[in-house]
N, C-alpha and C. Protein backbone atom coordinates (compact mmCIF):
# COMPACT_ATOMS: atom_id res chain seq x y z
N UNK A 1 23.48 -20.65 2.56
CA UNK A 1 22.12 -20.50 3.31
C UNK A 1 21.57 -19.04 3.02
N UNK A 2 20.22 -19.16 2.16
CA UNK A 2 19.71 -18.02 2.09
C UNK A 2 19.01 -17.71 3.57
N UNK A 3 18.67 -16.41 3.33
CA UNK A 3 17.90 -15.87 4.37
C UNK A 3 16.73 -15.20 3.72
N UNK A 4 15.54 -15.05 4.09
CA UNK A 4 14.24 -14.19 3.61
C UNK A 4 13.60 -13.76 4.87
N UNK A 5 13.77 -12.23 4.35
CA UNK A 5 12.94 -11.43 5.57
C UNK A 5 11.97 -11.08 5.28
N UNK A 6 10.86 -11.11 5.91
CA UNK A 6 9.28 -10.52 5.58
C UNK A 6 8.78 -9.77 6.64
N UNK A 7 8.11 -8.91 6.39
CA UNK A 7 7.60 -7.74 7.52
C UNK A 7 6.22 -7.79 6.93
N UNK A 8 5.27 -8.07 7.89
CA UNK A 8 4.05 -7.61 7.58
C UNK A 8 3.24 -7.03 8.69
N UNK A 9 2.02 -6.28 8.92
CA UNK A 9 1.39 -5.91 9.86
C UNK A 9 0.71 -6.94 10.46
N UNK A 10 0.67 -7.07 11.62
CA UNK A 10 0.04 -8.24 12.70
C UNK A 10 -1.46 -8.36 12.17
N UNK A 11 -1.85 -9.55 12.42
CA UNK A 11 -3.58 -9.63 12.01
C UNK A 11 -4.01 -10.94 11.20
N UNK A 12 -2.74 -11.59 10.52
CA UNK A 12 -3.07 -12.81 9.98
C UNK A 12 -3.14 -14.25 10.89
N UNK A 13 -3.35 -14.90 10.44
CA UNK A 13 -3.71 -16.34 11.42
C UNK A 13 -2.27 -16.95 10.83
N UNK A 14 -2.19 -18.14 12.23
CA UNK A 14 -1.12 -19.01 12.19
C UNK A 14 -1.09 -19.83 10.89
N UNK A 15 -2.13 -20.22 10.44
CA UNK A 15 -2.10 -21.18 9.17
C UNK A 15 -2.01 -20.00 8.06
N UNK A 16 -2.44 -18.80 8.08
CA UNK A 16 -1.96 -18.04 6.81
C UNK A 16 -0.44 -17.92 6.81
N UNK A 17 0.20 -17.69 7.96
CA UNK A 17 1.45 -17.43 7.93
C UNK A 17 2.41 -18.61 7.59
N UNK A 18 1.85 -19.68 7.92
CA UNK A 18 2.40 -21.17 7.83
C UNK A 18 2.57 -21.19 6.06
N UNK A 19 1.46 -21.42 5.72
CA UNK A 19 1.32 -21.22 4.44
C UNK A 19 2.27 -20.39 3.59
N UNK A 20 2.40 -19.15 3.95
CA UNK A 20 2.98 -18.10 3.38
C UNK A 20 4.57 -18.71 3.58
N UNK A 21 5.15 -19.05 4.47
CA UNK A 21 6.46 -19.32 4.61
C UNK A 21 6.70 -20.47 3.57
N UNK A 22 5.67 -21.47 3.87
CA UNK A 22 6.05 -22.89 3.11
C UNK A 22 6.08 -22.61 1.62
N UNK A 23 5.50 -21.49 1.25
CA UNK A 23 5.48 -21.17 -0.23
C UNK A 23 6.64 -20.48 -0.77
N UNK A 24 7.15 -19.60 0.48
CA UNK A 24 8.33 -18.82 0.34
C UNK A 24 9.52 -19.67 -0.03
N UNK A 25 9.66 -20.70 1.05
CA UNK A 25 10.65 -21.69 0.96
C UNK A 25 10.76 -22.66 -0.16
N UNK A 26 9.41 -23.23 -0.59
CA UNK A 26 9.42 -23.72 -1.95
C UNK A 26 10.12 -22.96 -3.13
N UNK A 27 9.84 -21.52 -3.14
CA UNK A 27 10.36 -20.65 -4.44
C UNK A 27 11.37 -20.41 -4.19
N UNK A 28 12.32 -20.41 -3.01
CA UNK A 28 13.91 -20.41 -3.13
C UNK A 28 14.26 -21.82 -3.22
N UNK A 29 13.52 -22.82 -3.17
CA UNK A 29 14.30 -24.42 -3.42
C UNK A 29 14.12 -24.21 -4.79
N UNK A 30 13.08 -23.84 -5.35
CA UNK A 30 13.02 -24.23 -6.91
C UNK A 30 14.04 -23.19 -7.57
N UNK A 31 14.13 -21.97 -7.40
CA UNK A 31 14.92 -20.94 -8.11
C UNK A 31 16.26 -20.79 -7.76
N UNK A 32 16.73 -21.41 -6.87
CA UNK A 32 18.09 -21.16 -6.41
C UNK A 32 18.88 -22.49 -6.06
N UNK A 33 17.98 -23.59 -6.20
CA UNK A 33 18.45 -25.10 -6.21
C UNK A 33 19.25 -25.48 -4.79
N UNK A 34 18.46 -24.75 -3.86
CA UNK A 34 19.17 -25.44 -2.33
C UNK A 34 18.21 -26.44 -1.79
N UNK A 35 18.61 -26.99 -0.75
CA UNK A 35 17.68 -27.87 0.05
C UNK A 35 16.98 -26.88 1.00
N UNK A 36 15.57 -27.39 1.32
CA UNK A 36 14.81 -26.41 2.00
C UNK A 36 15.29 -26.17 3.48
N UNK A 37 16.14 -27.23 4.00
CA UNK A 37 16.65 -27.11 5.25
C UNK A 37 17.64 -26.17 5.45
N UNK A 38 17.91 -25.55 4.34
CA UNK A 38 19.07 -24.32 4.43
C UNK A 38 18.52 -22.84 3.98
N UNK A 39 17.10 -22.93 3.95
CA UNK A 39 16.47 -21.93 3.95
C UNK A 39 15.74 -21.46 5.20
N UNK A 40 16.25 -20.18 5.55
CA UNK A 40 15.97 -19.23 6.87
C UNK A 40 14.78 -18.31 6.54
N UNK A 41 13.49 -18.42 7.19
CA UNK A 41 12.59 -17.62 7.05
C UNK A 41 12.57 -16.52 8.21
N UNK A 42 12.47 -15.27 7.83
CA UNK A 42 12.38 -14.59 9.19
C UNK A 42 11.29 -13.68 9.11
N UNK A 43 10.31 -13.83 10.07
CA UNK A 43 8.86 -12.97 9.69
C UNK A 43 8.77 -12.27 10.82
N UNK A 44 8.98 -10.94 10.74
CA UNK A 44 8.56 -9.82 11.48
C UNK A 44 7.14 -9.14 11.52
N UNK A 45 6.36 -9.27 12.52
CA UNK A 45 5.05 -9.07 12.70
C UNK A 45 5.08 -7.44 13.00
N UNK A 46 4.61 -6.24 12.50
CA UNK A 46 4.27 -5.21 12.80
C UNK A 46 2.90 -4.90 13.83
N UNK A 47 2.86 -4.09 14.86
CA UNK A 47 1.62 -4.02 15.14
C UNK A 47 0.79 -2.71 14.54
N UNK A 48 -0.49 -2.73 14.11
CA UNK A 48 -0.73 -1.84 13.24
C UNK A 48 -0.61 -0.12 13.98
N UNK A 49 -0.35 -0.14 15.27
CA UNK A 49 -0.12 1.22 15.68
C UNK A 49 1.32 1.64 15.92
N UNK A 50 2.36 0.59 15.36
CA UNK A 50 3.56 1.04 14.81
C UNK A 50 3.87 1.03 13.33
N UNK A 51 2.97 1.60 12.37
CA UNK A 51 3.49 1.27 11.12
C UNK A 51 2.46 2.45 10.52
N UNK A 52 2.99 3.44 9.78
CA UNK A 52 2.17 4.33 8.77
C UNK A 52 2.31 4.33 7.53
N UNK A 53 1.45 4.76 6.82
CA UNK A 53 1.39 4.83 5.26
C UNK A 53 0.95 6.26 5.17
N UNK A 54 1.81 7.09 4.65
CA UNK A 54 1.23 8.50 4.18
C UNK A 54 0.85 9.17 5.46
N UNK A 55 1.60 8.96 6.57
CA UNK A 55 1.53 9.72 7.66
C UNK A 55 0.25 9.30 8.49
N UNK A 56 -0.33 8.30 8.27
CA UNK A 56 -1.68 7.64 8.87
C UNK A 56 -0.96 6.20 9.21
N UNK A 57 -1.24 6.07 10.45
CA UNK A 57 -1.13 4.90 11.44
C UNK A 57 -2.30 3.78 10.87
N UNK A 58 -1.59 2.56 10.54
CA UNK A 58 -2.59 1.63 9.89
C UNK A 58 -3.65 1.28 10.97
N UNK A 59 -3.24 1.52 12.18
CA UNK A 59 -4.63 1.48 13.34
C UNK A 59 -5.72 2.24 13.07
N UNK A 60 -5.30 3.49 12.51
CA UNK A 60 -6.41 4.62 12.17
C UNK A 60 -7.00 4.49 10.62
N UNK A 61 -6.47 3.65 9.85
CA UNK A 61 -6.88 3.25 8.63
C UNK A 61 -8.18 2.59 8.60
N UNK A 62 -9.19 2.69 7.60
CA UNK A 62 -10.49 2.04 7.37
C UNK A 62 -10.17 1.02 6.46
């Protein structure tokens, strides 16, 4: 059973996240030949004020 962990900054729509998960699942099925029902996708959404790049919070970036 493959597990795929994805971390993103919150702000995407439910439809965008669903499409991404479907595409990731399809890629795993295609490339390692496992049934889709065995693919686990774990999605963690970080709040913009809990993620920084270069010492600047994402919530403060333009």
